[in-house]
Amino acid sequence: GGTVEVGEATLQGRSYYGISVYTPDDASTVILNGTTIKS
């Protein structure tokens, strides 16, 4: 739920997912602008 906004950052690691949205009571907003994900 809520909003996550990421700019030109790098999300990096051996973790399962870079970004996960599960099953909350409210909708989620994810905004990525120039973001890099290496996972």
ModelCIF file with pLDDT and N, C-alpha, C, O atoms, coordinates in Angstrom:
data_MODEL
#
_entry.id   MODEL 
#
_entity.id                         1 
_entity.type                       polymer 
_entity.pdbx_number_of_molecules   1 
#
_entity_poly.entity_id                      1 
_entity_poly.type                           'polypeptide(L)' 
_entity_poly.nstd_linkage                   no 
_entity_poly.nstd_monomer                   no 
_entity_poly.pdbx_seq_one_letter_code       GGTVEVGEATLQGRSYYGISVYTPDDASTVILNGTTIKS 
_entity_poly.pdbx_seq_one_letter_code_can   GGTVEVGEATLQGRSYYGISVYTPDDASTVILNGTTIKS 
_entity_poly.pdbx_strand_id                 A 
#
loop_
_entity_poly_seq.entity_id 
_entity_poly_seq.num 
_entity_poly_seq.mon_id 
_entity_poly_seq.hetero 
1 1  GLY n 
1 2  GLY n 
1 3  THR n 
1 4  VAL n 
1 5  GLU n 
1 6  VAL n 
1 7  GLY n 
1 8  GLU n 
1 9  ALA n 
1 10 THR n 
1 11 LEU n 
1 12 GLN n 
1 13 GLY n 
1 14 ARG n 
1 15 SER n 
1 16 TYR n 
1 17 TYR n 
1 18 GLY n 
1 19 ILE n 
1 20 SER n 
1 21 VAL n 
1 22 TYR n 
1 23 THR n 
1 24 PRO n 
1 25 ASP n 
1 26 ASP n 
1 27 ALA n 
1 28 SER n 
1 29 THR n 
1 30 VAL n 
1 31 ILE n 
1 32 LEU n 
1 33 ASN n 
1 34 GLY n 
1 35 THR n 
1 36 THR n 
1 37 ILE n 
1 38 LYS n 
1 39 SER n 
#
_struct_asym.id          A 
_struct_asym.entity_id   1 
#
loop_
_ma_qa_metric.id 
_ma_qa_metric.mode 
_ma_qa_metric.name 
_ma_qa_metric.software_group_id 
_ma_qa_metric.type 
1 global pLDDT . pLDDT 
2 local  pLDDT . pLDDT 
#
_ma_qa_metric_global.metric_id      1 
_ma_qa_metric_global.metric_value   90.23 
_ma_qa_metric_global.model_id       1 
_ma_qa_metric_global.ordinal_id     1 
#
loop_
_ma_qa_metric_local.label_asym_id 
_ma_qa_metric_local.label_comp_id 
_ma_qa_metric_local.label_seq_id 
_ma_qa_metric_local.metric_id 
_ma_qa_metric_local.metric_value 
_ma_qa_metric_local.model_id 
_ma_qa_metric_local.ordinal_id 
A GLY 1  2 89.00 1 1  
A GLY 2  2 89.00 1 2  
A THR 3  2 92.00 1 3  
A VAL 4  2 93.00 1 4  
A GLU 5  2 95.00 1 5  
A VAL 6  2 95.00 1 6  
A GLY 7  2 94.00 1 7  
A GLU 8  2 94.00 1 8  
A ALA 9  2 92.00 1 9  
A THR 10 2 93.00 1 10 
A LEU 11 2 92.00 1 11 
A GLN 12 2 88.00 1 12 
A GLY 13 2 75.00 1 13 
A ARG 14 2 70.00 1 14 
A SER 15 2 66.00 1 15 
A TYR 16 2 82.00 1 16 
A TYR 17 2 89.00 1 17 
A GLY 18 2 92.00 1 18 
A ILE 19 2 93.00 1 19 
A SER 20 2 92.00 1 20 
A VAL 21 2 93.00 1 21 
A TYR 22 2 90.00 1 22 
A THR 23 2 85.00 1 23 
A PRO 24 2 80.00 1 24 
A ASP 25 2 84.00 1 25 
A ASP 26 2 87.00 1 26 
A ALA 27 2 92.00 1 27 
A SER 28 2 93.00 1 28 
A THR 29 2 95.00 1 29 
A VAL 30 2 96.00 1 30 
A ILE 31 2 97.00 1 31 
A LEU 32 2 97.00 1 32 
A ASN 33 2 97.00 1 33 
A GLY 34 2 97.00 1 34 
A THR 35 2 97.00 1 35 
A THR 36 2 96.00 1 36 
A ILE 37 2 95.00 1 37 
A LYS 38 2 93.00 1 38 
A SER 39 2 90.00 1 39 
#
loop_
_atom_site.group_PDB 
_atom_site.id 
_atom_site.type_symbol 
_atom_site.label_atom_id 
_atom_site.label_alt_id 
_atom_site.label_comp_id 
_atom_site.label_asym_id 
_atom_site.label_entity_id 
_atom_site.label_seq_id 
_atom_site.pdbx_PDB_ins_code 
_atom_site.Cartn_x 
_atom_site.Cartn_y 
_atom_site.Cartn_z 
_atom_site.occupancy 
_atom_site.B_iso_or_equiv 
_atom_site.pdbx_formal_charge 
_atom_site.auth_seq_id 
_atom_site.auth_comp_id 
_atom_site.auth_asym_id 
_atom_site.auth_atom_id 
_atom_site.pdbx_PDB_model_num 
ATOM 1   N N  . GLY A 1 1  ? 0.825  -1.204  0.000   1.00 89.00 ? 1  GLY A N  1 
ATOM 2   C CA . GLY A 1 1  ? 0.000  0.000   0.000   1.00 89.00 ? 1  GLY A CA 1 
ATOM 3   C C  . GLY A 1 1  ? 0.855  1.248   0.000   1.00 89.00 ? 1  GLY A C  1 
ATOM 4   O O  . GLY A 1 1  ? 2.033  1.200   0.354   1.00 89.00 ? 1  GLY A O  1 
ATOM 5   N N  . GLY A 1 2  ? 0.264  2.372   -0.398  1.00 89.00 ? 2  GLY A N  1 
ATOM 6   C CA . GLY A 1 2  ? 1.012  3.625   -0.451  1.00 89.00 ? 2  GLY A CA 1 
ATOM 7   C C  . GLY A 1 2  ? 1.781  3.769   -1.751  1.00 89.00 ? 2  GLY A C  1 
ATOM 8   O O  . GLY A 1 2  ? 1.492  3.095   -2.739  1.00 89.00 ? 2  GLY A O  1 
ATOM 9   N N  . THR A 1 3  ? 2.774  4.666   -1.736  1.00 92.00 ? 3  THR A N  1 
ATOM 10  C CA . THR A 1 3  ? 3.512  5.008   -2.949  1.00 92.00 ? 3  THR A CA 1 
ATOM 11  C C  . THR A 1 3  ? 5.009  4.877   -2.734  1.00 92.00 ? 3  THR A C  1 
ATOM 12  O O  . THR A 1 3  ? 5.546  5.323   -1.719  1.00 92.00 ? 3  THR A O  1 
ATOM 13  N N  . VAL A 1 4  ? 5.677  4.260   -3.699  1.00 93.00 ? 4  VAL A N  1 
ATOM 14  C CA . VAL A 1 4  ? 7.135  4.193   -3.719  1.00 93.00 ? 4  VAL A CA 1 
ATOM 15  C C  . VAL A 1 4  ? 7.605  4.824   -5.023  1.00 93.00 ? 4  VAL A C  1 
ATOM 16  O O  . VAL A 1 4  ? 7.174  4.426   -6.105  1.00 93.00 ? 4  VAL A O  1 
ATOM 17  N N  . GLU A 1 5  ? 8.488  5.806   -4.914  1.00 95.00 ? 5  GLU A N  1 
ATOM 18  C CA . GLU A 1 5  ? 9.030  6.468   -6.101  1.00 95.00 ? 5  GLU A CA 1 
ATOM 19  C C  . GLU A 1 5  ? 10.553 6.422   -6.030  1.00 95.00 ? 5  GLU A C  1 
ATOM 20  O O  . GLU A 1 5  ? 11.152 6.863   -5.049  1.00 95.00 ? 5  GLU A O  1 
ATOM 21  N N  . VAL A 1 6  ? 11.173 5.884   -7.078  1.00 95.00 ? 6  VAL A N  1 
ATOM 22  C CA . VAL A 1 6  ? 12.627 5.737   -7.121  1.00 95.00 ? 6  VAL A CA 1 
ATOM 23  C C  . VAL A 1 6  ? 13.156 6.435   -8.363  1.00 95.00 ? 6  VAL A C  1 
ATOM 24  O O  . VAL A 1 6  ? 12.629 6.252   -9.461  1.00 95.00 ? 6  VAL A O  1 
ATOM 25  N N  . GLY A 1 7  ? 14.207 7.242   -8.184  1.00 94.00 ? 7  GLY A N  1 
ATOM 26  C CA . GLY A 1 7  ? 14.829 7.935   -9.298  1.00 94.00 ? 7  GLY A CA 1 
ATOM 27  C C  . GLY A 1 7  ? 15.951 7.104   -9.897  1.00 94.00 ? 7  GLY A C  1 
ATOM 28  O O  . GLY A 1 7  ? 15.810 5.893   -10.065 1.00 94.00 ? 7  GLY A O  1 
ATOM 29  N N  . GLU A 1 8  ? 17.055 7.746   -10.216 1.00 94.00 ? 8  GLU A N  1 
ATOM 30  C CA . GLU A 1 8  ? 18.147 7.085   -10.942 1.00 94.00 ? 8  GLU A CA 1 
ATOM 31  C C  . GLU A 1 8  ? 19.071 6.296   -10.007 1.00 94.00 ? 8  GLU A C  1 
ATOM 32  O O  . GLU A 1 8  ? 20.294 6.346   -10.133 1.00 94.00 ? 8  GLU A O  1 
ATOM 33  N N  . ALA A 1 9  ? 18.474 5.589   -9.093  1.00 92.00 ? 9  ALA A N  1 
ATOM 34  C CA . ALA A 1 9  ? 19.245 4.732   -8.190  1.00 92.00 ? 9  ALA A CA 1 
ATOM 35  C C  . ALA A 1 9  ? 19.373 3.338   -8.787  1.00 92.00 ? 9  ALA A C  1 
ATOM 36  O O  . ALA A 1 9  ? 18.661 2.987   -9.728  1.00 92.00 ? 9  ALA A O  1 
ATOM 37  N N  . THR A 1 10 ? 20.284 2.548   -8.232  1.00 93.00 ? 10 THR A N  1 
ATOM 38  C CA . THR A 1 10 ? 20.455 1.154   -8.630  1.00 93.00 ? 10 THR A CA 1 
ATOM 39  C C  . THR A 1 10 ? 20.051 0.259   -7.463  1.00 93.00 ? 10 THR A C  1 
ATOM 40  O O  . THR A 1 10 ? 20.572 0.402   -6.357  1.00 93.00 ? 10 THR A O  1 
ATOM 41  N N  . LEU A 1 11 ? 19.129 -0.659  -7.710  1.00 92.00 ? 11 LEU A N  1 
ATOM 42  C CA . LEU A 1 11 ? 18.734 -1.665  -6.724  1.00 92.00 ? 11 LEU A CA 1 
ATOM 43  C C  . LEU A 1 11 ? 19.490 -2.923  -7.090  1.00 92.00 ? 11 LEU A C  1 
ATOM 44  O O  . LEU A 1 11 ? 19.257 -3.504  -8.150  1.00 92.00 ? 11 LEU A O  1 
ATOM 45  N N  . GLN A 1 12 ? 20.389 -3.347  -6.228  1.00 88.00 ? 12 GLN A N  1 
ATOM 46  C CA . GLN A 1 12 ? 21.331 -4.403  -6.601  1.00 88.00 ? 12 GLN A CA 1 
ATOM 47  C C  . GLN A 1 12 ? 21.498 -5.418  -5.489  1.00 88.00 ? 12 GLN A C  1 
ATOM 48  O O  . GLN A 1 12 ? 21.553 -5.063  -4.312  1.00 88.00 ? 12 GLN A O  1 
ATOM 49  N N  . GLY A 1 13 ? 21.577 -6.682  -5.870  1.00 75.00 ? 13 GLY A N  1 
ATOM 50  C CA . GLY A 1 13 ? 21.845 -7.710  -4.872  1.00 75.00 ? 13 GLY A CA 1 
ATOM 51  C C  . GLY A 1 13 ? 21.384 -9.067  -5.323  1.00 75.00 ? 13 GLY A C  1 
ATOM 52  O O  . GLY A 1 13 ? 20.812 -9.225  -6.401  1.00 75.00 ? 13 GLY A O  1 
ATOM 53  N N  . ARG A 1 14 ? 21.643 -10.055 -4.473  1.00 70.00 ? 14 ARG A N  1 
ATOM 54  C CA . ARG A 1 14 ? 21.244 -11.405 -4.814  1.00 70.00 ? 14 ARG A CA 1 
ATOM 55  C C  . ARG A 1 14 ? 19.866 -11.699 -4.214  1.00 70.00 ? 14 ARG A C  1 
ATOM 56  O O  . ARG A 1 14 ? 19.443 -12.855 -4.175  1.00 70.00 ? 14 ARG A O  1 
ATOM 57  N N  . SER A 1 15 ? 19.180 -10.683 -3.757  1.00 66.00 ? 15 SER A N  1 
ATOM 58  C CA . SER A 1 15 ? 17.874 -10.907 -3.141  1.00 66.00 ? 15 SER A CA 1 
ATOM 59  C C  . SER A 1 15 ? 16.868 -11.390 -4.186  1.00 66.00 ? 15 SER A C  1 
ATOM 60  O O  . SER A 1 15 ? 17.098 -11.275 -5.390  1.00 66.00 ? 15 SER A O  1 
ATOM 61  N N  . TYR A 1 16 ? 15.776 -11.920 -3.713  1.00 82.00 ? 16 TYR A N  1 
ATOM 62  C CA . TYR A 1 16 ? 14.793 -12.531 -4.600  1.00 82.00 ? 16 TYR A CA 1 
ATOM 63  C C  . TYR A 1 16 ? 14.238 -11.523 -5.600  1.00 82.00 ? 16 TYR A C  1 
ATOM 64  O O  . TYR A 1 16 ? 14.365 -11.722 -6.808  1.00 82.00 ? 16 TYR A O  1 
ATOM 65  N N  . TYR A 1 17 ? 13.630 -10.453 -5.119  1.00 89.00 ? 17 TYR A N  1 
ATOM 66  C CA . TYR A 1 17 ? 13.066 -9.423  -5.995  1.00 89.00 ? 17 TYR A CA 1 
ATOM 67  C C  . TYR A 1 17 ? 13.635 -8.047  -5.654  1.00 89.00 ? 17 TYR A C  1 
ATOM 68  O O  . TYR A 1 17 ? 13.959 -7.766  -4.500  1.00 89.00 ? 17 TYR A O  1 
ATOM 69  N N  . GLY A 1 18 ? 13.751 -7.203  -6.662  1.00 92.00 ? 18 GLY A N  1 
ATOM 70  C CA . GLY A 1 18 ? 14.122 -5.815  -6.421  1.00 92.00 ? 18 GLY A CA 1 
ATOM 71  C C  . GLY A 1 18 ? 12.993 -5.087  -5.711  1.00 92.00 ? 18 GLY A C  1 
ATOM 72  O O  . GLY A 1 18 ? 13.212 -4.427  -4.696  1.00 92.00 ? 18 GLY A O  1 
ATOM 73  N N  . ILE A 1 19 ? 11.765 -5.212  -6.254  1.00 93.00 ? 19 ILE A N  1 
ATOM 74  C CA . ILE A 1 19 ? 10.577 -4.591  -5.664  1.00 93.00 ? 19 ILE A CA 1 
ATOM 75  C C  . ILE A 1 19 ? 9.438  -5.597  -5.686  1.00 93.00 ? 19 ILE A C  1 
ATOM 76  O O  . ILE A 1 19 ? 9.142  -6.178  -6.729  1.00 93.00 ? 19 ILE A O  1 
ATOM 77  N N  . SER A 1 20 ? 8.798  -5.805  -4.540  1.00 92.00 ? 20 SER A N  1 
ATOM 78  C CA . SER A 1 20 ? 7.657  -6.716  -4.443  1.00 92.00 ? 20 SER A CA 1 
ATOM 79  C C  . SER A 1 20 ? 6.446  -5.979  -3.911  1.00 92.00 ? 20 SER A C  1 
ATOM 80  O O  . SER A 1 20 ? 6.545  -5.207  -2.958  1.00 92.00 ? 20 SER A O  1 
ATOM 81  N N  . VAL A 1 21 ? 5.295  -6.223  -4.537  1.00 93.00 ? 21 VAL A N  1 
ATOM 82  C CA . VAL A 1 21 ? 4.024  -5.666  -4.064  1.00 93.00 ? 21 VAL A CA 1 
ATOM 83  C C  . VAL A 1 21 ? 3.143  -6.837  -3.664  1.00 93.00 ? 21 VAL A C  1 
ATOM 84  O O  . VAL A 1 21 ? 2.809  -7.688  -4.488  1.00 93.00 ? 21 VAL A O  1 
ATOM 85  N N  . TYR A 1 22 ? 2.771  -6.872  -2.392  1.00 90.00 ? 22 TYR A N  1 
ATOM 86  C CA . TYR A 1 22 ? 2.028  -8.009  -1.868  1.00 90.00 ? 22 TYR A CA 1 
ATOM 87  C C  . TYR A 1 22 ? 0.517  -7.742  -1.863  1.00 90.00 ? 22 TYR A C  1 
ATOM 88  O O  . TYR A 1 22 ? -0.002 -7.174  -2.824  1.00 90.00 ? 22 TYR A O  1 
ATOM 89  N N  . THR A 1 23 ? -0.189 -8.133  -0.821  1.00 85.00 ? 23 THR A N  1 
ATOM 90  C CA . THR A 1 23 ? -1.654 -8.057  -0.829  1.00 85.00 ? 23 THR A CA 1 
ATOM 91  C C  . THR A 1 23 ? -2.160 -7.191  0.320   1.00 85.00 ? 23 THR A C  1 
ATOM 92  O O  . THR A 1 23 ? -2.726 -7.721  1.276   1.00 85.00 ? 23 THR A O  1 
ATOM 93  N N  . PRO A 1 24 ? -1.974 -5.883  0.253   1.00 80.00 ? 24 PRO A N  1 
ATOM 94  C CA . PRO A 1 24 ? -2.411 -4.992  1.331   1.00 80.00 ? 24 PRO A CA 1 
ATOM 95  C C  . PRO A 1 24 ? -3.898 -4.670  1.220   1.00 80.00 ? 24 PRO A C  1 
ATOM 96  O O  . PRO A 1 24 ? -4.581 -5.133  0.307   1.00 80.00 ? 24 PRO A O  1 
ATOM 97  N N  . ASP A 1 25 ? -4.385 -3.869  2.165   1.00 84.00 ? 25 ASP A N  1 
ATOM 98  C CA . ASP A 1 25 ? -5.777 -3.436  2.142   1.00 84.00 ? 25 ASP A CA 1 
ATOM 99  C C  . ASP A 1 25 ? -6.003 -2.311  1.136   1.00 84.00 ? 25 ASP A C  1 
ATOM 100 O O  . ASP A 1 25 ? -7.137 -2.072  0.719   1.00 84.00 ? 25 ASP A O  1 
ATOM 101 N N  . ASP A 1 26 ? -4.939 -1.623  0.744   1.00 87.00 ? 26 ASP A N  1 
ATOM 102 C CA . ASP A 1 26 ? -5.061 -0.496  -0.173  1.00 87.00 ? 26 ASP A CA 1 
ATOM 103 C C  . ASP A 1 26 ? -4.146 -0.691  -1.375  1.00 87.00 ? 26 ASP A C  1 
ATOM 104 O O  . ASP A 1 26 ? -3.190 -1.465  -1.324  1.00 87.00 ? 26 ASP A O  1 
ATOM 105 N N  . ALA A 1 27 ? -4.453 0.022   -2.455  1.00 92.00 ? 27 ALA A N  1 
ATOM 106 C CA . ALA A 1 27 ? -3.668 -0.078  -3.672  1.00 92.00 ? 27 ALA A CA 1 
ATOM 107 C C  . ALA A 1 27 ? -2.265 0.498   -3.468  1.00 92.00 ? 27 ALA A C  1 
ATOM 108 O O  . ALA A 1 27 ? -2.040 1.346   -2.606  1.00 92.00 ? 27 ALA A O  1 
ATOM 109 N N  . SER A 1 28 ? -1.342 0.016   -4.279  1.00 93.00 ? 28 SER A N  1 
ATOM 110 C CA . SER A 1 28 ? 0.040  0.495   -4.239  1.00 93.00 ? 28 SER A CA 1 
ATOM 111 C C  . SER A 1 28 ? 0.367  1.211   -5.548  1.00 93.00 ? 28 SER A C  1 
ATOM 112 O O  . SER A 1 28 ? -0.130 0.856   -6.616  1.00 93.00 ? 28 SER A O  1 
ATOM 113 N N  . THR A 1 29 ? 1.219  2.230   -5.429  1.00 95.00 ? 29 THR A N  1 
ATOM 114 C CA . THR A 1 29 ? 1.719  2.933   -6.604  1.00 95.00 ? 29 THR A CA 1 
ATOM 115 C C  . THR A 1 29 ? 3.237  2.846   -6.603  1.00 95.00 ? 29 THR A C  1 
ATOM 116 O O  . THR A 1 29 ? 3.884  3.188   -5.613  1.00 95.00 ? 29 THR A O  1 
ATOM 117 N N  . VAL A 1 30 ? 3.803  2.388   -7.715  1.00 96.00 ? 30 VAL A N  1 
ATOM 118 C CA . VAL A 1 30 ? 5.252  2.287   -7.864  1.00 96.00 ? 30 VAL A CA 1 
ATOM 119 C C  . VAL A 1 30 ? 5.667  3.094   -9.078  1.00 96.00 ? 30 VAL A C  1 
ATOM 120 O O  . VAL A 1 30 ? 5.209  2.832   -10.190 1.00 96.00 ? 30 VAL A O  1 
ATOM 121 N N  . ILE A 1 31 ? 6.539  4.080   -8.866  1.00 97.00 ? 31 ILE A N  1 
ATOM 122 C CA . ILE A 1 31 ? 7.013  4.945   -9.947  1.00 97.00 ? 31 ILE A CA 1 
ATOM 123 C C  . ILE A 1 31 ? 8.527  4.833   -10.022 1.00 97.00 ? 31 ILE A C  1 
ATOM 124 O O  . ILE A 1 31 ? 9.227  5.122   -9.051  1.00 97.00 ? 31 ILE A O  1 
ATOM 125 N N  . LEU A 1 32 ? 9.027  4.416   -11.168 1.00 97.00 ? 32 LEU A N  1 
ATOM 126 C CA . LEU A 1 32 ? 10.471 4.275   -11.372 1.00 97.00 ? 32 LEU A CA 1 
ATOM 127 C C  . LEU A 1 32 ? 10.884 5.168   -12.544 1.00 97.00 ? 32 LEU A C  1 
ATOM 128 O O  . LEU A 1 32 ? 10.363 5.039   -13.651 1.00 97.00 ? 32 LEU A O  1 
ATOM 129 N N  . ASN A 1 33 ? 11.824 6.071   -12.282 1.00 97.00 ? 33 ASN A N  1 
ATOM 130 C CA . ASN A 1 33 ? 12.292 7.002   -13.310 1.00 97.00 ? 33 ASN A CA 1 
ATOM 131 C C  . ASN A 1 33 ? 13.799 6.851   -13.486 1.00 97.00 ? 33 ASN A C  1 
ATOM 132 O O  . ASN A 1 33 ? 14.575 7.353   -12.673 1.00 97.00 ? 33 ASN A O  1 
ATOM 133 N N  . GLY A 1 34 ? 14.214 6.159   -14.549 1.00 97.00 ? 34 GLY A N  1 
ATOM 134 C CA . GLY A 1 34 ? 15.639 5.968   -14.789 1.00 97.00 ? 34 GLY A CA 1 
ATOM 135 C C  . GLY A 1 34 ? 16.292 5.006   -13.825 1.00 97.00 ? 34 GLY A C  1 
ATOM 136 O O  . GLY A 1 34 ? 17.515 5.008   -13.690 1.00 97.00 ? 34 GLY A O  1 
ATOM 137 N N  . THR A 1 35 ? 15.514 4.190   -13.154 1.00 97.00 ? 35 THR A N  1 
ATOM 138 C CA . THR A 1 35 ? 16.018 3.250   -12.148 1.00 97.00 ? 35 THR A CA 1 
ATOM 139 C C  . THR A 1 35 ? 16.665 2.032   -12.817 1.00 97.00 ? 35 THR A C  1 
ATOM 140 O O  . THR A 1 35 ? 16.251 1.613   -13.898 1.00 97.00 ? 35 THR A O  1 
ATOM 141 N N  . THR A 1 36 ? 17.686 1.474   -12.159 1.00 96.00 ? 36 THR A N  1 
ATOM 142 C CA . THR A 1 36 ? 18.307 0.228   -12.614 1.00 96.00 ? 36 THR A CA 1 
ATOM 143 C C  . THR A 1 36 ? 18.111 -0.841  -11.544 1.00 96.00 ? 36 THR A C  1 
ATOM 144 O O  . THR A 1 36 ? 18.362 -0.597  -10.364 1.00 96.00 ? 36 THR A O  1 
ATOM 145 N N  . ILE A 1 37 ? 17.661 -2.028  -11.960 1.00 95.00 ? 37 ILE A N  1 
ATOM 146 C CA . ILE A 1 37 ? 17.507 -3.152  -11.043 1.00 95.00 ? 37 ILE A CA 1 
ATOM 147 C C  . ILE A 1 37 ? 18.383 -4.295  -11.529 1.00 95.00 ? 37 ILE A C  1 
ATOM 148 O O  . ILE A 1 37 ? 18.243 -4.770  -12.656 1.00 95.00 ? 37 ILE A O  1 
ATOM 149 N N  . LYS A 1 38 ? 19.299 -4.734  -10.651 1.00 93.00 ? 38 LYS A N  1 
ATOM 150 C CA . LYS A 1 38 ? 20.153 -5.890  -10.929 1.00 93.00 ? 38 LYS A CA 1 
ATOM 151 C C  . LYS A 1 38 ? 20.003 -6.844  -9.761  1.00 93.00 ? 38 LYS A C  1 
ATOM 152 O O  . LYS A 1 38 ? 20.654 -6.687  -8.728  1.00 93.00 ? 38 LYS A O  1 
ATOM 153 N N  . SER A 1 39 ? 19.141 -7.833  -9.935  1.00 90.00 ? 39 SER A N  1 
ATOM 154 C CA . SER A 1 39 ? 18.836 -8.754  -8.843  1.00 90.00 ? 39 SER A CA 1 
ATOM 155 C C  . SER A 1 39 ? 18.468 -10.099 -9.452  1.00 90.00 ? 39 SER A C  1 
ATOM 156 O O  . SER A 1 39 ? 18.169 -11.046 -8.724  1.00 90.00 ? 39 SER A O  1 
#
